[in-house]
N, C-alpha and C. Protein backbone atom coordinates (compact mmCIF):
# COMPACT_ATOMS: atom_id res chain seq x y z
N MET A 1 94.53 219.33 94.45
CA MET A 1 93.92 219.66 95.20
C MET A 1 94.64 220.43 95.59
N THR A 2 94.98 220.74 96.69
CA THR A 2 95.63 221.49 97.93
C THR A 2 94.44 221.36 99.19
N TYR A 3 95.92 220.69 99.95
CA TYR A 3 95.49 220.64 101.61
C TYR A 3 96.64 221.58 102.57
N ARG A 4 95.18 222.21 103.64
CA ARG A 4 95.99 222.34 105.24
C ARG A 4 95.62 222.45 106.29
N VAL A 5 95.83 221.69 107.29
CA VAL A 5 95.58 221.03 108.58
C VAL A 5 95.89 222.67 109.52
N ILE A 6 94.79 222.91 110.48
CA ILE A 6 95.91 224.12 110.73
C ILE A 6 95.03 223.94 112.14
N LYS A 7 95.44 224.24 113.35
CA LYS A 7 96.07 223.60 114.13
C LYS A 7 95.65 225.26 115.90
N ALA A 8 94.47 224.36 116.63
CA ALA A 8 94.64 225.14 117.51
C ALA A 8 94.81 224.60 118.88
N SER A 9 94.78 225.27 119.56
CA SER A 9 93.97 225.21 120.98
C SER A 9 94.07 226.88 122.35
N ASN A 10 93.38 225.98 122.78
CA ASN A 10 93.17 227.64 124.41
C ASN A 10 93.07 226.13 125.33
N MET A 11 93.99 226.84 126.45
CA MET A 11 94.67 226.06 127.67
C MET A 11 93.17 226.16 129.14
N TRP A 12 92.51 227.61 128.11
CA TRP A 12 91.92 227.83 129.14
C TRP A 12 90.31 228.32 129.65
N SER A 13 89.86 227.71 128.09
CA SER A 13 88.84 227.29 127.74
C SER A 13 88.04 226.57 126.92
N THR A 14 87.13 225.37 126.65
CA THR A 14 87.29 225.15 125.14
C THR A 14 85.28 226.14 125.16
N GLU A 15 85.33 227.13 125.33
CA GLU A 15 84.16 228.25 125.39
C GLU A 15 85.23 228.35 124.04
N LYS A 16 85.92 229.39 124.06
CA LYS A 16 87.23 230.19 124.13
C LYS A 16 87.09 228.84 122.62
N LEU A 17 87.42 227.76 123.46
CA LEU A 17 88.36 227.38 121.32
C LEU A 17 87.21 226.84 120.60
N ARG A 18 85.70 226.57 121.31
CA ARG A 18 85.14 226.68 120.54
C ARG A 18 84.45 227.79 118.95
N LYS A 19 84.34 228.45 119.43
CA LYS A 19 84.22 230.36 119.56
C LYS A 19 85.78 230.34 117.91
N GLN A 20 86.75 230.39 118.83
CA GLN A 20 87.78 230.57 117.33
C GLN A 20 88.47 229.19 116.84
N THR A 21 87.64 228.36 116.27
CA THR A 21 87.12 227.94 115.75
C THR A 21 86.01 227.42 114.40
N GLU A 22 85.06 228.32 114.78
CA GLU A 22 84.15 229.18 114.52
C GLU A 22 84.58 229.93 113.18
N GLU A 23 85.52 231.04 114.10
CA GLU A 23 86.40 232.44 113.44
C GLU A 23 86.70 231.70 112.94
N ILE A 24 87.55 230.57 112.65
CA ILE A 24 88.47 230.28 111.18
C ILE A 24 88.18 229.56 110.65
N ILE A 25 86.58 228.72 110.75
CA ILE A 25 86.53 227.52 109.45
C ILE A 25 85.34 228.84 108.69
N ASN A 26 85.02 230.50 109.26
CA ASN A 26 84.50 231.63 108.71
C ASN A 26 84.62 231.84 107.89
N ARG A 27 86.77 232.25 108.23
CA ARG A 27 87.44 232.94 107.66
C ARG A 27 88.13 231.94 107.00
N GLU A 28 88.33 231.05 106.70
CA GLU A 28 89.24 229.56 105.66
C GLU A 28 87.63 229.72 104.07
N LYS A 29 86.50 229.53 104.62
CA LYS A 29 85.06 229.79 103.50
C LYS A 29 85.60 230.60 103.40
N GLU A 30 85.31 232.37 103.25
CA GLU A 30 85.99 233.58 102.87
C GLU A 30 87.14 233.55 102.05
N ASN A 31 87.39 232.58 102.69
CA ASN A 31 89.16 233.05 101.36
C ASN A 31 88.62 231.75 99.82
N GLY A 32 87.62 231.07 99.95
CA GLY A 32 87.81 230.17 98.78
C GLY A 32 87.81 228.81 99.80
N TRP A 33 88.34 227.91 100.78
CA TRP A 33 88.75 227.13 100.94
C TRP A 33 87.56 226.12 101.57
N ALA A 34 87.56 225.25 102.14
CA ALA A 34 86.60 223.62 102.11
C ALA A 34 86.73 223.09 103.12
N ILE A 35 84.91 223.82 103.99
CA ILE A 35 85.64 222.24 105.61
C ILE A 35 85.73 221.83 104.28
N VAL A 36 87.15 220.17 105.03
CA VAL A 36 87.29 218.73 105.48
C VAL A 36 86.48 218.73 105.95
N SER A 37 86.74 218.24 107.46
CA SER A 37 86.82 217.35 108.91
C SER A 37 87.37 218.25 110.03
N VAL A 38 86.37 218.88 110.52
CA VAL A 38 87.51 219.73 112.20
C VAL A 38 87.33 218.34 113.12
N ALA A 39 88.03 218.13 113.65
CA ALA A 39 88.21 217.40 115.00
C ALA A 39 88.46 217.88 116.93
N PHE A 40 87.73 217.56 117.56
CA PHE A 40 88.70 217.79 118.94
C PHE A 40 89.45 217.13 118.81
N GLY A 41 90.22 217.86 120.69
CA GLY A 41 90.50 216.52 121.09
C GLY A 41 91.25 216.77 122.20
N LEU A 42 92.56 216.53 123.16
CA LEU A 42 93.01 216.43 123.90
C LEU A 42 94.69 216.20 123.43
N ASN A 43 95.71 216.98 123.75
CA ASN A 43 97.11 216.54 123.43
C ASN A 43 97.17 216.61 124.98
N VAL A 44 99.40 216.04 124.94
CA VAL A 44 99.59 214.70 125.56
C VAL A 44 99.56 215.71 127.09
N TRP A 45 99.06 216.97 127.07
CA TRP A 45 99.10 217.59 128.46
C TRP A 45 98.21 218.00 129.07
N HIS A 46 96.66 217.43 128.49
CA HIS A 46 94.92 217.53 128.08
C HIS A 46 95.16 218.49 128.20
N ILE A 47 95.13 219.38 126.73
CA ILE A 47 94.85 221.72 126.67
C ILE A 47 94.20 220.50 125.16
N PRO A 48 92.76 221.13 125.84
CA PRO A 48 91.79 220.65 124.38
C PRO A 48 92.71 221.63 123.06
N THR A 49 92.37 221.29 121.55
CA THR A 49 93.57 221.31 120.86
C THR A 49 92.34 220.94 119.62
N VAL A 50 92.06 221.52 118.18
CA VAL A 50 91.16 221.71 117.56
C VAL A 50 92.17 221.53 115.94
N PHE A 51 91.79 220.35 115.27
CA PHE A 51 92.92 220.29 114.33
C PHE A 51 91.34 220.72 112.67
N ILE A 52 91.30 221.59 112.07
CA ILE A 52 90.80 222.05 111.10
C ILE A 52 91.49 221.62 109.16
N THR A 53 91.28 220.38 108.90
CA THR A 53 91.56 220.86 107.87
C THR A 53 90.64 220.87 106.40
N ILE A 54 91.52 221.22 105.55
CA ILE A 54 90.72 222.53 104.83
C ILE A 54 91.34 221.96 103.19
N ALA A 55 90.57 222.22 102.31
CA ALA A 55 91.26 221.77 100.84
C ALA A 55 90.54 223.19 100.11
N LYS A 56 91.13 223.44 98.85
CA LYS A 56 91.29 224.10 98.09
C LYS A 56 91.77 223.60 97.04
N GLU A 57 90.09 224.18 95.29
CA GLU A 57 90.55 223.33 93.73
C GLU A 57 91.97 224.55 94.11
N LEU A 58 93.08 224.32 93.23
CA LEU A 58 94.02 225.00 92.35
C LEU A 58 94.01 225.32 91.17
C-alpha cells in the first residue's frame, strides 16, 4: 500500500478551499486512489489549510 498526503491552502476564502478540496478528492479517486482522511485546520499564520491522505494498492 502506498500513501500520499496532499496539502492545499487558500488564504482568502474557506469556500474556495472547500471547492478545491472536492476537486482534489474527485481527481484522485478517478485515478484509483482511496481517500483515507481529510483534515481542515489553520497553519501558523492562521491560513485555512487542508491535508488529504490518500492510499493506493500497488
